Amino acid sequence: MSTKPSPKHTNTPLTITPSTAFNHTTTAAPGFIDQLLNKIPLPRWAIYAILALILLVFLICILCICVKCCCKGKKNKKKKPDQQINLKDVNGTTTTALVQPDVEDADYGSADKPRGRILYSLEHNAQSSELKVGIKEAAALKAMDAGGTSDPYVKVYCLPKKSKTYESKVFRKTLNPVFNEHFTFQMPQAELSESTLVMQVFDFNRFSKHDIIGELRLQLSTVDWNHVIEEWKDLTEPSKFEQENLGEICFSLRYVPTASKLTVVILEAKNLKGMDLDGSSDPYVKVQLILDKRKWKKKTTSVKKKTLNPYFNESFTFDVTFEQIQKVQLVISVWDHDNLSRNDAMGKIFLGCDATGNQLRHWADMLSNPRRPVAQWHSLLSAEQVNSTLALKHTIRIPFTDKTLW
């Protein structure tokens, strides 16, 4: 039996180089990461996508913080030069137009600011029971428009009855208007001690609410009626306890003389008085023509349900000759429709050649611009006030006939 020689064992020393040690340490880390990734129940590509998304969000956050810090530093640097700007060299027209407040905002906190002065005259005739009020002129009025001027006019009435309200002519772009107008009120001697004369100066705006510049209130009981009064007085802040606002209405007028056509377009109304229990109204508009103090023609708009700011845009055309247009009166009235009771008047206004103030100006603009519609906002007055001014002749209609007795 032959025996195989046993292998020879050589005692060769094992040498470890730095390169082999480095390879062992580098292969250990990826093995740990692979084991960790294998434990996550997601595909390998999904894990990589999530990690990339987290890294992207982190970078975006860092970028936003850097941008915000840079912008804040630039703003702080720009503040110092702005404080040294000379306001005299700046044209403030655009800025004023952008921040021009409404009537309520214009009066808030401005009680101490000068509003101007007004020159008026007073005279009472005890025999005829007439109070004559003269609006002479105004001076140094407060500028209400963006250009540093105003379009002033004066409204005059007596409290507490306020049976009549007069308006002066409108003067364009001036702070020192000269009116030289006189108004007469029927007032017995006994009513002087209980009456207050109110003179309010307004700034006219065709397409928005008229801004009140200031007012003067005179207790007639304190006036010495032994001679004619003529004096200057400073305008004061408007009273906050004025009569309730009845709203405003916007309409356009157009007259074509060659065709004898008068076109009235009722556009819209706003801030009307709530007449129903829920605070709303069902408004509609009556358009009437008055000729020789008698009702001549009438048309009405549709009813707008439950609104205080109705939009109509309804047009009405009347046949009116050139001779009649100089004598006719246009009455615009807003009514609240009620199915169960009588319709209530919410406000009225009338225009014509014998009107005053803004109503007269609107009518004059229509006549001076034939074939062109002229639109304007008007403040509504009480129905009693307009009716007393018009003093219409009452008519009696005989039932079951077409006859009318005047």
Protein backbone atom coordinates (compact mmCIF):
# COMPACT_ATOMS: atom_id res chain seq x y z
CA MET A 1 0.00 0.00 0.00
CA SER A 2 1.41 3.23 -1.10
CA THR A 3 0.99 6.35 0.95
CA LYS A 4 0.67 9.89 -0.45
CA PRO A 5 3.16 12.28 0.80
CA SER A 6 1.62 14.88 3.07
CA PRO A 7 1.75 18.49 1.90
CA LYS A 8 4.48 20.58 3.18
CA HIS A 9 3.50 23.45 5.39
CA THR A 10 5.59 26.47 4.93
CA ASN A 11 5.69 29.06 7.65
CA THR A 12 5.21 32.17 5.44
CA PRO A 13 4.34 35.26 7.42
CA LEU A 14 1.01 37.11 6.60
CA THR A 15 1.60 40.70 5.69
CA ILE A 16 -1.22 43.31 5.77
CA THR A 17 -0.71 46.35 3.67
CA PRO A 18 -2.53 49.68 4.16
CA SER A 19 -4.41 49.16 0.89
CA THR A 20 -5.95 45.90 1.98
CA ALA A 21 -7.01 47.37 5.31
CA PHE A 22 -8.72 50.29 3.55
CA ASN A 23 -10.64 47.94 1.24
CA HIS A 24 -12.05 46.03 4.20
CA THR A 25 -13.27 49.16 5.94
CA THR A 26 -14.91 50.62 2.80
CA THR A 27 -16.85 47.49 2.00
CA ALA A 28 -18.28 47.35 5.49
CA ALA A 29 -20.22 50.63 5.26
CA PRO A 30 -22.08 49.92 1.99
CA GLY A 31 -23.08 46.58 3.39
CA PHE A 32 -24.74 48.27 6.36
CA ILE A 33 -26.60 50.80 4.13
CA ASP A 34 -27.77 47.98 1.84
CA GLN A 35 -29.12 46.09 4.81
CA LEU A 36 -30.93 49.22 6.01
CA LEU A 37 -32.44 49.91 2.58
CA ASN A 38 -33.53 46.28 2.23
CA LYS A 39 -35.58 46.59 5.42
CA ILE A 40 -37.70 49.45 3.91
CA PRO A 41 -40.73 47.96 2.06
CA LEU A 42 -40.29 50.18 -1.00
CA PRO A 43 -38.55 49.81 -4.33
CA ARG A 44 -35.04 51.13 -4.45
CA TRP A 45 -35.96 53.83 -7.01
CA ALA A 46 -38.81 55.10 -4.81
CA ILE A 47 -36.48 55.47 -1.85
CA TYR A 48 -34.02 57.45 -3.95
CA ALA A 49 -36.82 59.70 -5.24
CA ILE A 50 -38.00 60.48 -1.69
CA LEU A 51 -34.49 61.34 -0.58
CA ALA A 52 -34.02 63.62 -3.59
CA LEU A 53 -37.32 65.40 -2.86
CA ILE A 54 -36.37 65.98 0.78
CA LEU A 55 -33.03 67.41 -0.30
CA LEU A 56 -34.73 69.70 -2.85
CA VAL A 57 -37.18 71.10 -0.28
CA PHE A 58 -34.33 71.74 2.14
CA LEU A 59 -32.40 73.67 -0.52
CA ILE A 60 -35.46 75.75 -1.46
CA CYS A 61 -36.03 76.73 2.17
CA ILE A 62 -32.43 77.86 2.52
CA LEU A 63 -32.71 79.87 -0.71
CA CYS A 64 -35.92 81.63 0.44
CA ILE A 65 -34.35 82.61 3.75
CA CYS A 66 -31.36 84.10 1.95
CA VAL A 67 -33.54 86.09 -0.48
CA LYS A 68 -35.71 87.46 2.34
CA CYS A 69 -32.71 88.62 4.31
CA CYS A 70 -31.25 90.36 1.25
CA CYS A 71 -34.51 92.18 0.43
CA LYS A 72 -34.91 93.35 4.01
CA GLY A 73 -31.43 94.79 3.96
CA LYS A 74 -32.16 96.72 0.76
CA LYS A 75 -35.37 98.26 2.19
CA ASN A 76 -33.56 99.48 5.26
CA LYS A 77 -30.96 101.15 3.08
CA LYS A 78 -33.63 102.94 1.00
CA LYS A 79 -35.49 104.43 3.96
CA LYS A 80 -32.86 107.04 4.80
CA PRO A 81 -32.81 108.90 1.43
CA ASP A 82 -36.66 109.10 1.40
CA GLN A 83 -36.69 111.08 4.61
CA GLN A 84 -34.71 113.87 2.97
CA ILE A 85 -37.00 114.38 -0.06
CA ASN A 86 -38.23 117.95 -0.50
CA LEU A 87 -42.03 117.77 -0.70
CA LYS A 88 -42.19 121.07 -2.56
CA ASP A 89 -40.62 119.45 -5.61
CA VAL A 90 -43.14 116.60 -5.67
CA ASN A 91 -46.31 116.84 -7.77
CA GLY A 92 -49.02 115.53 -5.43
CA THR A 93 -51.90 115.36 -7.94
CA THR A 94 -51.76 111.62 -8.42
CA THR A 95 -51.26 110.88 -4.74
CA THR A 96 -54.17 113.08 -3.73
CA ALA A 97 -56.46 111.45 -6.28
CA LEU A 98 -55.62 108.00 -4.98
CA VAL A 99 -56.30 108.78 -1.35
CA GLN A 100 -59.21 111.24 -1.77
CA PRO A 101 -61.70 110.14 0.94
CA ASP A 102 -65.51 109.99 0.88
CA VAL A 103 -67.71 112.55 2.64
CA GLU A 104 -67.68 110.70 5.95
CA ASP A 105 -63.89 110.19 5.91
CA ALA A 106 -63.21 113.78 4.88
CA ASP A 107 -64.96 115.12 7.96
CA TYR A 108 -63.47 112.70 10.45
CA GLY A 109 -60.83 114.29 12.65
CA SER A 110 -60.86 117.55 10.67
CA ALA A 111 -62.97 119.71 12.96
CA ASP A 112 -60.08 122.07 13.70
CA LYS A 113 -59.12 122.61 10.05
CA PRO A 114 -60.32 125.88 8.48
CA ARG A 115 -63.21 125.36 6.08
CA GLY A 116 -63.58 128.92 4.82
CA ARG A 117 -65.94 131.83 5.42
CA ILE A 118 -69.28 132.96 4.03
CA LEU A 119 -70.82 136.41 3.64
CA TYR A 120 -74.60 136.42 4.04
CA SER A 121 -77.44 138.88 4.64
CA LEU A 122 -80.71 138.57 6.57
CA GLU A 123 -83.89 140.63 6.47
CA HIS A 124 -87.35 139.88 7.84
CA ASN A 125 -90.54 141.62 6.75
CA ALA A 126 -93.14 141.23 9.47
CA GLN A 127 -96.01 142.51 7.30
CA SER A 128 -95.49 139.97 4.51
CA SER A 129 -94.04 137.28 6.87
CA GLU A 130 -91.02 136.89 4.59
CA LEU A 131 -87.46 136.01 5.54
CA LYS A 132 -84.99 137.09 2.88
CA VAL A 133 -81.62 135.32 2.93
CA GLY A 134 -78.80 136.63 0.77
CA ILE A 135 -75.79 134.47 -0.11
CA LYS A 136 -73.21 137.05 -1.12
CA GLU A 137 -69.89 135.23 -1.43
CA ALA A 138 -67.48 132.80 0.18
CA ALA A 139 -63.74 132.98 0.73
CA ALA A 140 -60.81 130.68 1.49
CA LEU A 141 -62.91 127.54 1.10
CA LYS A 142 -61.40 124.16 1.79
CA ALA A 143 -60.08 122.46 -1.37
CA MET A 144 -61.93 119.19 -1.98
CA ASP A 145 -60.72 118.20 -5.46
CA ALA A 146 -57.41 116.67 -6.50
CA GLY A 147 -56.27 119.84 -8.26
CA GLY A 148 -56.44 121.91 -5.07
CA THR A 149 -59.76 123.58 -5.95
CA SER A 150 -63.49 123.00 -5.44
CA ASP A 151 -66.75 123.45 -7.35
CA PRO A 152 -68.78 125.14 -4.59
CA TYR A 153 -72.47 125.82 -4.26
CA VAL A 154 -74.64 126.70 -1.25
CA LYS A 155 -77.73 124.92 0.06
CA VAL A 156 -80.08 127.00 2.26
CA TYR A 157 -83.00 125.79 4.39
CA CYS A 158 -84.73 126.41 7.70
CA LEU A 159 -85.30 123.97 10.53
CA PRO A 160 -87.35 122.39 11.99
CA LYS A 161 -89.97 122.51 9.20
CA LYS A 162 -87.58 122.45 6.22
CA SER A 163 -90.47 123.08 3.87
CA LYS A 164 -88.16 124.51 1.20
CA THR A 165 -84.54 123.99 0.25
CA TYR A 166 -82.76 126.41 -2.06
CA GLU A 167 -79.51 125.85 -3.92
CA SER A 168 -77.26 128.44 -5.48
CA LYS A 169 -75.46 128.17 -8.78
CA VAL A 170 -72.32 126.04 -9.02
CA PHE A 171 -69.02 127.85 -9.54
CA ARG A 172 -66.27 125.82 -11.18
CA LYS A 173 -62.73 125.49 -9.85
CA THR A 174 -62.65 128.29 -7.31
CA LEU A 175 -62.21 128.70 -3.57
CA ASN A 176 -63.59 132.26 -3.54
CA PRO A 177 -66.96 132.21 -5.32
CA VAL A 178 -69.20 135.28 -5.62
CA PHE A 179 -72.86 134.18 -5.60
CA ASN A 180 -75.00 137.30 -5.04
CA GLU A 181 -78.21 135.26 -4.80
CA HIS A 182 -81.27 135.83 -2.63
CA PHE A 183 -83.85 133.35 -1.34
CA THR A 184 -87.19 134.01 0.34
CA PHE A 185 -88.88 131.90 3.02
CA GLN A 186 -92.44 132.34 4.26
CA MET A 187 -91.98 132.71 8.02
CA PRO A 188 -94.23 134.57 10.46
CA GLN A 189 -92.71 136.58 13.29
CA ALA A 190 -93.77 133.97 15.85
CA GLU A 191 -91.73 131.21 14.14
CA LEU A 192 -88.44 133.11 14.24
CA SER A 193 -87.76 132.20 17.86
CA GLU A 194 -88.08 128.48 17.08
CA SER A 195 -86.27 128.33 13.73
CA THR A 196 -82.68 127.70 12.70
CA LEU A 197 -81.25 128.89 9.40
CA VAL A 198 -78.79 126.45 7.83
CA MET A 199 -76.34 127.41 5.07
CA GLN A 200 -74.26 124.49 3.80
CA VAL A 201 -71.44 124.80 1.26
CA PHE A 202 -70.95 121.74 -0.95
CA ASP A 203 -68.40 120.68 -3.53
CA PHE A 204 -70.19 119.59 -6.71
CA ASN A 205 -69.37 116.18 -8.22
CA ARG A 206 -71.21 114.99 -11.30
CA PHE A 207 -70.67 111.25 -10.89
CA SER A 208 -70.36 110.85 -7.10
CA LYS A 209 -71.80 112.13 -3.87
CA HIS A 210 -71.30 115.84 -3.29
CA ASP A 211 -68.77 116.57 -0.56
CA ILE A 212 -69.81 119.01 2.15
CA ILE A 213 -67.18 121.67 2.79
CA GLY A 214 -68.75 123.27 5.84
CA GLU A 215 -71.89 124.86 7.19
CA LEU A 216 -73.24 127.78 9.19
CA ARG A 217 -76.21 127.41 11.56
CA LEU A 218 -77.93 130.52 12.92
CA GLN A 219 -80.46 130.52 15.73
CA LEU A 220 -82.89 133.14 14.42
CA SER A 221 -84.01 133.90 17.98
CA THR A 222 -80.63 135.57 18.62
CA VAL A 223 -80.77 137.89 15.58
CA ASP A 224 -81.55 141.60 15.97
CA TRP A 225 -84.23 142.24 13.33
CA ASN A 226 -84.27 146.02 13.73
CA HIS A 227 -81.89 146.36 10.80
CA VAL A 228 -80.59 144.35 7.85
CA ILE A 229 -77.86 141.88 8.84
CA GLU A 230 -74.82 141.48 6.60
CA GLU A 231 -71.69 139.85 8.01
CA TRP A 232 -68.93 137.29 7.51
CA LYS A 233 -68.99 134.04 9.47
CA ASP A 234 -66.61 131.09 9.62
CA LEU A 235 -67.88 127.76 8.34
CA THR A 236 -67.89 124.93 10.87
CA GLU A 237 -67.88 121.16 10.77
CA PRO A 238 -71.16 119.71 9.44
CA SER A 239 -73.63 118.61 12.05
CA LYS A 240 -73.76 114.86 12.64
CA PHE A 241 -77.44 115.08 13.56
CA GLU A 242 -78.68 116.12 10.14
CA GLN A 243 -81.86 114.69 8.66
CA GLU A 244 -81.78 111.09 7.48
CA ASN A 245 -80.24 110.33 4.13
CA LEU A 246 -82.89 109.29 1.61
CA GLY A 247 -80.40 108.00 -0.94
CA GLU A 248 -79.24 109.02 -4.39
CA ILE A 249 -80.34 108.35 -7.95
CA CYS A 250 -78.44 108.52 -11.23
CA PHE A 251 -80.16 109.17 -14.55
CA SER A 252 -79.35 110.66 -17.93
CA LEU A 253 -81.26 113.24 -19.97
CA ARG A 254 -81.27 113.69 -23.75
CA TYR A 255 -83.30 116.12 -25.81
CA VAL A 256 -83.49 116.24 -29.60
CA PRO A 257 -85.11 119.54 -30.68
CA THR A 258 -85.62 118.52 -34.30
CA ALA A 259 -87.56 115.41 -33.31
CA SER A 260 -89.12 116.94 -30.15
CA LYS A 261 -88.02 113.91 -28.14
CA LEU A 262 -87.04 113.91 -24.47
CA THR A 263 -85.32 110.68 -23.37
CA VAL A 264 -84.87 109.85 -19.70
CA VAL A 265 -82.73 106.84 -18.77
CA ILE A 266 -83.05 105.71 -15.15
CA LEU A 267 -79.66 104.11 -14.50
CA GLU A 268 -79.40 103.18 -10.81
CA ALA A 269 -79.96 104.26 -7.22
CA LYS A 270 -77.99 103.67 -4.03
CA ASN A 271 -78.28 103.97 -0.25
CA LEU A 272 -82.06 104.06 -0.36
CA LYS A 273 -84.09 104.07 2.83
CA GLY A 274 -85.25 100.68 4.10
CA MET A 275 -89.05 100.64 4.17
CA ASP A 276 -89.80 97.01 5.03
CA LEU A 277 -89.52 95.25 8.38
CA ASP A 278 -86.39 93.37 7.31
CA GLY A 279 -84.60 96.63 6.46
CA SER A 280 -84.88 96.26 2.69
CA SER A 281 -87.21 97.74 0.06
CA ASP A 282 -88.80 96.89 -3.27
CA PRO A 283 -88.01 100.10 -5.17
CA TYR A 284 -89.26 101.34 -8.50
CA VAL A 285 -89.07 104.78 -10.14
CA LYS A 286 -91.81 107.05 -11.46
CA VAL A 287 -90.93 109.48 -14.24
CA GLN A 288 -93.47 112.31 -14.51
CA LEU A 289 -93.78 115.42 -16.63
CA ILE A 290 -95.55 118.44 -15.12
CA LEU A 291 -96.88 121.16 -17.40
CA ASP A 292 -98.67 124.29 -16.15
CA LYS A 293 -98.63 122.83 -12.62
CA ARG A 294 -100.61 119.78 -13.76
CA LYS A 295 -99.50 116.19 -14.18
CA TRP A 296 -99.04 115.62 -17.86
CA LYS A 297 -97.31 112.31 -18.62
CA LYS A 298 -96.06 109.42 -16.50
CA LYS A 299 -94.04 106.23 -16.90
CA THR A 300 -92.65 103.75 -14.37
CA THR A 301 -89.76 101.32 -14.19
CA SER A 302 -89.90 97.70 -13.14
CA VAL A 303 -89.82 96.76 -9.45
CA LYS A 304 -86.52 95.54 -8.00
CA LYS A 305 -87.06 93.13 -5.12
CA LYS A 306 -85.36 93.44 -1.71
CA THR A 307 -82.56 95.87 -2.47
CA LEU A 308 -81.43 99.33 -1.41
CA ASN A 309 -79.08 99.71 -4.38
CA PRO A 310 -81.21 98.87 -7.43
CA TYR A 311 -79.90 98.88 -11.01
CA PHE A 312 -82.53 99.75 -13.63
CA ASN A 313 -81.01 100.99 -16.91
CA GLU A 314 -84.49 101.61 -18.32
CA SER A 315 -85.19 104.23 -20.98
CA PHE A 316 -88.33 106.35 -21.49
CA THR A 317 -89.06 108.73 -24.36
CA PHE A 318 -91.60 111.58 -24.30
CA ASP A 319 -92.86 113.83 -27.08
CA VAL A 320 -92.06 117.37 -25.93
CA THR A 321 -91.91 120.38 -28.26
CA PHE A 322 -89.25 123.05 -27.91
CA GLU A 323 -91.82 125.48 -26.46
CA GLN A 324 -92.94 122.90 -23.89
CA ILE A 325 -89.39 121.92 -22.86
CA GLN A 326 -88.90 125.45 -21.53
CA LYS A 327 -91.98 125.21 -19.29
CA VAL A 328 -92.13 121.53 -18.39
CA GLN A 329 -90.91 120.06 -15.08
CA LEU A 330 -89.45 116.57 -14.82
CA VAL A 331 -90.23 114.80 -11.54
CA ILE A 332 -88.22 111.68 -10.62
CA SER A 333 -89.57 109.82 -7.60
CA VAL A 334 -88.56 106.53 -5.97
CA TRP A 335 -91.27 104.36 -4.44
CA ASP A 336 -91.42 101.21 -2.35
CA HIS A 337 -93.79 98.64 -3.87
CA ASP A 338 -96.14 96.86 -1.47
CA ASN A 339 -98.64 94.18 -2.46
CA LEU A 340 -100.81 94.50 0.63
CA SER A 341 -100.85 98.23 1.31
CA ARG A 342 -100.28 101.58 -0.34
CA ASN A 343 -96.93 102.17 -2.01
CA ASP A 344 -94.67 104.51 0.00
CA ALA A 345 -92.68 107.40 -1.44
CA MET A 346 -88.97 107.04 -0.62
CA GLY A 347 -87.68 110.26 -2.17
CA LYS A 348 -88.22 112.79 -4.94
CA ILE A 349 -86.45 115.32 -7.09
CA PHE A 350 -87.55 117.65 -9.88
CA LEU A 351 -85.75 119.37 -12.75
CA GLY A 352 -86.70 122.13 -15.14
CA CYS A 353 -85.97 125.71 -16.08
CA ASP A 354 -87.43 126.90 -12.76
CA ALA A 355 -85.43 124.43 -10.65
CA THR A 356 -82.38 125.47 -8.63
CA GLY A 357 -78.87 124.25 -7.92
CA ASN A 358 -77.72 120.93 -9.35
CA GLN A 359 -81.11 120.14 -10.80
CA LEU A 360 -81.10 123.36 -12.83
CA ARG A 361 -77.52 122.74 -13.93
CA HIS A 362 -78.34 119.22 -15.15
CA TRP A 363 -81.32 120.54 -17.11
CA ALA A 364 -79.25 123.37 -18.58
CA ASP A 365 -76.49 120.94 -19.60
CA MET A 366 -79.07 118.84 -21.43
CA LEU A 367 -80.44 121.84 -23.35
CA SER A 368 -76.98 123.12 -24.24
CA ASN A 369 -75.90 119.69 -25.53
CA PRO A 370 -78.71 118.56 -27.86
CA ARG A 371 -78.76 114.92 -29.01
CA ARG A 372 -76.19 114.01 -26.34
CA PRO A 373 -77.12 112.15 -23.14
CA VAL A 374 -76.00 113.87 -19.94
CA ALA A 375 -75.85 111.70 -16.80
CA GLN A 376 -75.61 112.91 -13.20
CA TRP A 377 -76.19 111.76 -9.62
CA HIS A 378 -78.79 113.57 -7.49
CA SER A 379 -79.59 113.37 -3.78
CA LEU A 380 -83.22 112.51 -3.11
CA LEU A 381 -85.39 114.94 -1.15
CA SER A 382 -88.51 114.22 0.85
CA ALA A 383 -91.75 113.98 -1.09
CA GLU A 384 -93.36 116.65 1.11
CA GLN A 385 -90.57 119.11 0.37
CA VAL A 386 -90.79 118.65 -3.41
CA ASN A 387 -94.59 118.70 -3.44
CA SER A 388 -94.69 121.98 -1.51
CA THR A 389 -92.25 123.52 -3.99
CA LEU A 390 -94.16 122.34 -7.04
CA ALA A 391 -97.57 123.32 -5.58
CA LEU A 392 -99.45 121.19 -8.10
CA LYS A 393 -103.07 121.80 -8.87
CA HIS A 394 -105.11 118.91 -7.53
CA THR A 395 -107.30 116.91 -9.86
CA ILE A 396 -110.51 115.03 -9.13
CA ARG A 397 -111.28 112.07 -11.34
CA ILE A 398 -114.96 111.20 -11.72
CA PRO A 399 -115.49 107.45 -11.22
CA PHE A 400 -116.60 105.33 -14.18
CA THR A 401 -115.87 108.19 -16.59
CA ASP A 402 -112.90 109.58 -18.42
CA LYS A 403 -113.55 113.13 -17.21
CA THR A 404 -111.26 114.97 -14.86
CA LEU A 405 -112.11 118.09 -12.89
CA TRP A 406 -109.34 120.53 -12.07
